[in-house]
Amino acid sequence: MTSRDLPQGRFEGRAAFGELVRSALACAAQEGWREIILSDASFADWPLGERAVSESLQAWSTGGRRVTLLARRYDEVVRRHARFVQWRQAWSHIVEARGCPSADELELPSAIWSPSWVMQRLDPERCTGFSGVEPERRLAVREQLAEWLQRSAPAFPATTLGL
């Protein structure tokens, strides 16, 4: 599968959204995307804890790659996506996790960005949005994410230090 084979255009519904996430991460592994940004208020309804997603991330995680996570909070990730949390711990050197706890849940973009394909949910409650390879679309989402990343702070540490 290549970026051009990924769905393009409008999508609607949780099933379609989940399939887009799975397909995008499988494509990232196959094509070797160098950089990925995953953004959502909580990632609660993303399929990050699924075995297939974990396997795709594991296959993608080779030298020179980078993933940036952006969320309002990571409580739901820890609670719902144990496989993803383990992967994040094992690959902490390629994962940058950022948080915007004061952001409005509906304002923080729900998106996957890569240099070759992008997906954005415009209405997270109804799971509607768009995906595609168009340069203008990728640039617009990247600029929106860059603004939020500037307002964010480090979050979701790979390890918890205690006394």
Protein backbone atom coordinates (compact mmCIF):
# COMPACT_ATOMS: atom_id res chain seq x y z
CA MET A 1 0.00 0.00 0.00
CA THR A 2 1.22 3.48 -0.85
CA SER A 3 0.00 6.91 0.22
CA ARG A 4 -1.85 7.19 -3.09
CA ASP A 5 -3.73 3.96 -2.23
CA LEU A 6 -4.98 5.37 1.07
CA PRO A 7 -8.57 6.66 1.07
CA GLN A 8 -8.98 10.21 -0.14
CA GLY A 9 -11.85 12.61 0.25
CA ARG A 10 -14.57 12.79 2.88
CA PHE A 11 -15.14 10.08 5.46
CA GLU A 12 -17.92 9.56 7.97
CA GLY A 13 -18.39 7.32 10.99
CA ARG A 14 -16.27 5.64 13.65
CA ALA A 15 -15.66 2.53 11.57
CA ALA A 16 -14.32 4.57 8.64
CA PHE A 17 -12.18 6.66 10.99
CA GLY A 18 -10.72 3.59 12.72
CA GLU A 19 -9.93 2.00 9.37
CA LEU A 20 -8.18 5.19 8.22
CA VAL A 21 -5.94 5.15 11.31
CA ARG A 22 -5.08 1.46 10.82
CA SER A 23 -4.42 1.88 7.09
CA ALA A 24 -2.34 5.03 7.56
CA LEU A 25 -0.04 3.45 10.14
CA ALA A 26 0.32 0.28 8.04
CA CYS A 27 1.23 2.47 5.06
CA ALA A 28 3.69 4.44 7.20
CA ALA A 29 5.47 1.20 8.03
CA GLN A 30 5.45 -0.03 4.44
CA GLU A 31 6.55 3.27 2.86
CA GLY A 32 8.87 4.28 5.69
CA TRP A 33 7.37 7.69 6.43
CA ARG A 34 10.13 9.68 8.16
CA GLU A 35 7.81 11.84 10.23
CA ILE A 36 4.28 11.46 11.58
CA ILE A 37 2.16 13.72 13.76
CA LEU A 38 -0.77 12.19 15.63
CA SER A 39 -3.09 14.74 17.22
CA ASP A 40 -6.32 14.42 19.19
CA ALA A 41 -7.81 15.82 22.38
CA SER A 42 -7.62 12.43 24.14
CA PHE A 43 -7.11 9.61 21.56
CA ALA A 44 -9.94 7.81 23.41
CA ASP A 45 -11.64 6.53 20.25
CA TRP A 46 -8.50 5.83 18.22
CA PRO A 47 -7.60 2.14 17.72
CA LEU A 48 -4.13 2.65 19.21
CA GLY A 49 -4.39 -0.34 21.55
CA GLU A 50 -5.13 -2.83 18.78
CA ARG A 51 -2.58 -5.48 17.90
CA ALA A 52 -2.54 -4.48 14.19
CA VAL A 53 -1.77 -0.85 15.07
CA SER A 54 0.94 -1.91 17.51
CA GLU A 55 2.50 -4.15 14.86
CA SER A 56 2.43 -1.32 12.30
CA LEU A 57 4.10 1.07 14.73
CA GLN A 58 6.72 -1.56 15.60
CA ALA A 59 7.48 -2.13 11.90
CA TRP A 60 7.65 1.64 11.32
CA SER A 61 10.04 2.27 14.25
CA THR A 62 13.44 2.19 12.61
CA GLY A 63 16.35 4.62 12.53
CA GLY A 64 15.81 8.21 11.55
CA ARG A 65 12.05 8.22 12.11
CA ARG A 66 10.10 10.56 14.35
CA VAL A 67 6.55 10.72 15.69
CA THR A 68 5.02 13.67 17.50
CA LEU A 69 1.98 13.15 19.68
CA LEU A 70 -0.24 16.09 20.54
CA ALA A 71 -3.15 15.81 22.98
CA ARG A 72 -5.00 17.81 25.53
CA ARG A 73 -4.41 15.03 28.06
CA TYR A 74 -3.12 11.45 27.91
CA ASP A 75 -5.29 9.87 30.66
CA GLU A 76 -7.41 7.95 28.15
CA VAL A 77 -4.33 6.71 26.30
CA VAL A 78 -2.96 5.20 29.50
CA ARG A 79 -6.36 3.76 30.46
CA ARG A 80 -7.41 2.35 27.07
CA HIS A 81 -4.32 1.66 24.98
CA ALA A 82 -1.87 -0.51 26.94
CA ARG A 83 -0.05 -1.79 23.83
CA PHE A 84 0.48 1.77 22.63
CA VAL A 85 1.81 2.84 26.04
CA GLN A 86 4.31 -0.06 25.97
CA TRP A 87 5.39 0.86 22.43
CA ARG A 88 5.81 4.50 23.49
CA GLN A 89 8.02 3.42 26.40
CA ALA A 90 10.17 1.16 24.22
CA TRP A 91 10.60 3.78 21.49
CA SER A 92 10.76 6.93 23.63
CA HIS A 93 13.81 8.15 21.70
CA ILE A 94 11.71 8.66 18.54
CA VAL A 95 8.50 9.84 20.26
CA GLU A 96 7.88 13.43 21.29
CA ALA A 97 4.68 13.77 23.32
CA ARG A 98 3.22 17.24 23.79
CA GLY A 99 0.20 18.37 25.75
CA CYS A 100 -2.18 21.32 25.70
CA PRO A 101 -4.23 20.80 28.89
CA SER A 102 -5.94 24.20 28.64
CA ALA A 103 -7.12 23.63 25.05
CA ASP A 104 -10.78 23.21 24.29
CA GLU A 105 -11.44 19.57 23.35
CA LEU A 106 -13.23 20.59 20.16
CA GLU A 107 -10.53 23.03 19.02
CA LEU A 108 -7.48 20.75 19.22
CA PRO A 109 -7.09 19.09 15.81
CA SER A 110 -7.86 15.40 15.48
CA ALA A 111 -5.46 14.44 12.70
CA ILE A 112 -2.71 12.32 11.25
CA TRP A 113 -0.12 14.26 9.29
CA SER A 114 2.71 12.90 7.19
CA PRO A 115 4.74 14.45 4.38
CA SER A 116 2.75 12.36 1.87
CA TRP A 117 -0.81 11.99 3.27
CA VAL A 118 -3.09 13.64 5.81
CA MET A 119 -6.32 12.84 7.63
CA GLN A 120 -8.31 15.29 9.76
CA ARG A 121 -11.55 14.82 11.64
CA LEU A 122 -13.50 18.05 11.45
CA ASP A 123 -16.23 16.74 13.76
CA PRO A 124 -14.80 14.24 16.28
CA GLU A 125 -18.22 13.46 17.77
CA ARG A 126 -19.67 12.33 14.44
CA CYS A 127 -16.29 11.16 13.11
CA THR A 128 -16.49 13.13 9.91
CA GLY A 129 -13.58 14.66 8.08
CA PHE A 130 -11.33 14.36 5.08
CA SER A 131 -8.13 12.67 3.99
CA GLY A 132 -5.89 13.06 1.00
CA VAL A 133 -2.52 13.58 -0.62
CA GLU A 134 -3.03 17.10 -1.98
CA PRO A 135 -0.08 19.38 -1.08
CA GLU A 136 -2.37 22.27 -0.11
CA ARG A 137 -4.30 20.06 2.29
CA ARG A 138 -1.13 18.65 3.87
CA LEU A 139 0.32 22.15 4.25
CA ALA A 140 -2.84 23.57 5.84
CA VAL A 141 -3.04 20.78 8.42
CA ARG A 142 0.70 21.00 9.11
CA GLU A 143 0.46 24.73 9.76
CA GLN A 144 -2.52 24.25 12.07
CA LEU A 145 -0.65 21.55 14.01
CA ALA A 146 2.49 23.73 14.19
CA GLU A 147 0.48 26.49 15.89
CA TRP A 148 -0.81 24.06 18.51
CA LEU A 149 2.63 22.53 19.02
CA GLN A 150 4.03 26.00 19.78
CA ARG A 151 1.45 26.36 22.57
CA SER A 152 2.11 22.91 23.97
CA ALA A 153 4.48 21.57 26.62
CA PRO A 154 6.15 18.18 27.12
CA ALA A 155 3.66 15.57 28.37
CA PHE A 156 3.05 11.81 28.63
CA PRO A 157 6.52 10.84 29.87
CA ALA A 158 7.85 7.44 28.83
CA THR A 159 8.68 6.59 32.43
CA THR A 160 7.42 7.78 35.77
CA LEU A 161 10.17 8.67 38.18
CA GLY A 162 9.46 8.11 41.84
CA LEU A 163 11.30 8.45 45.09
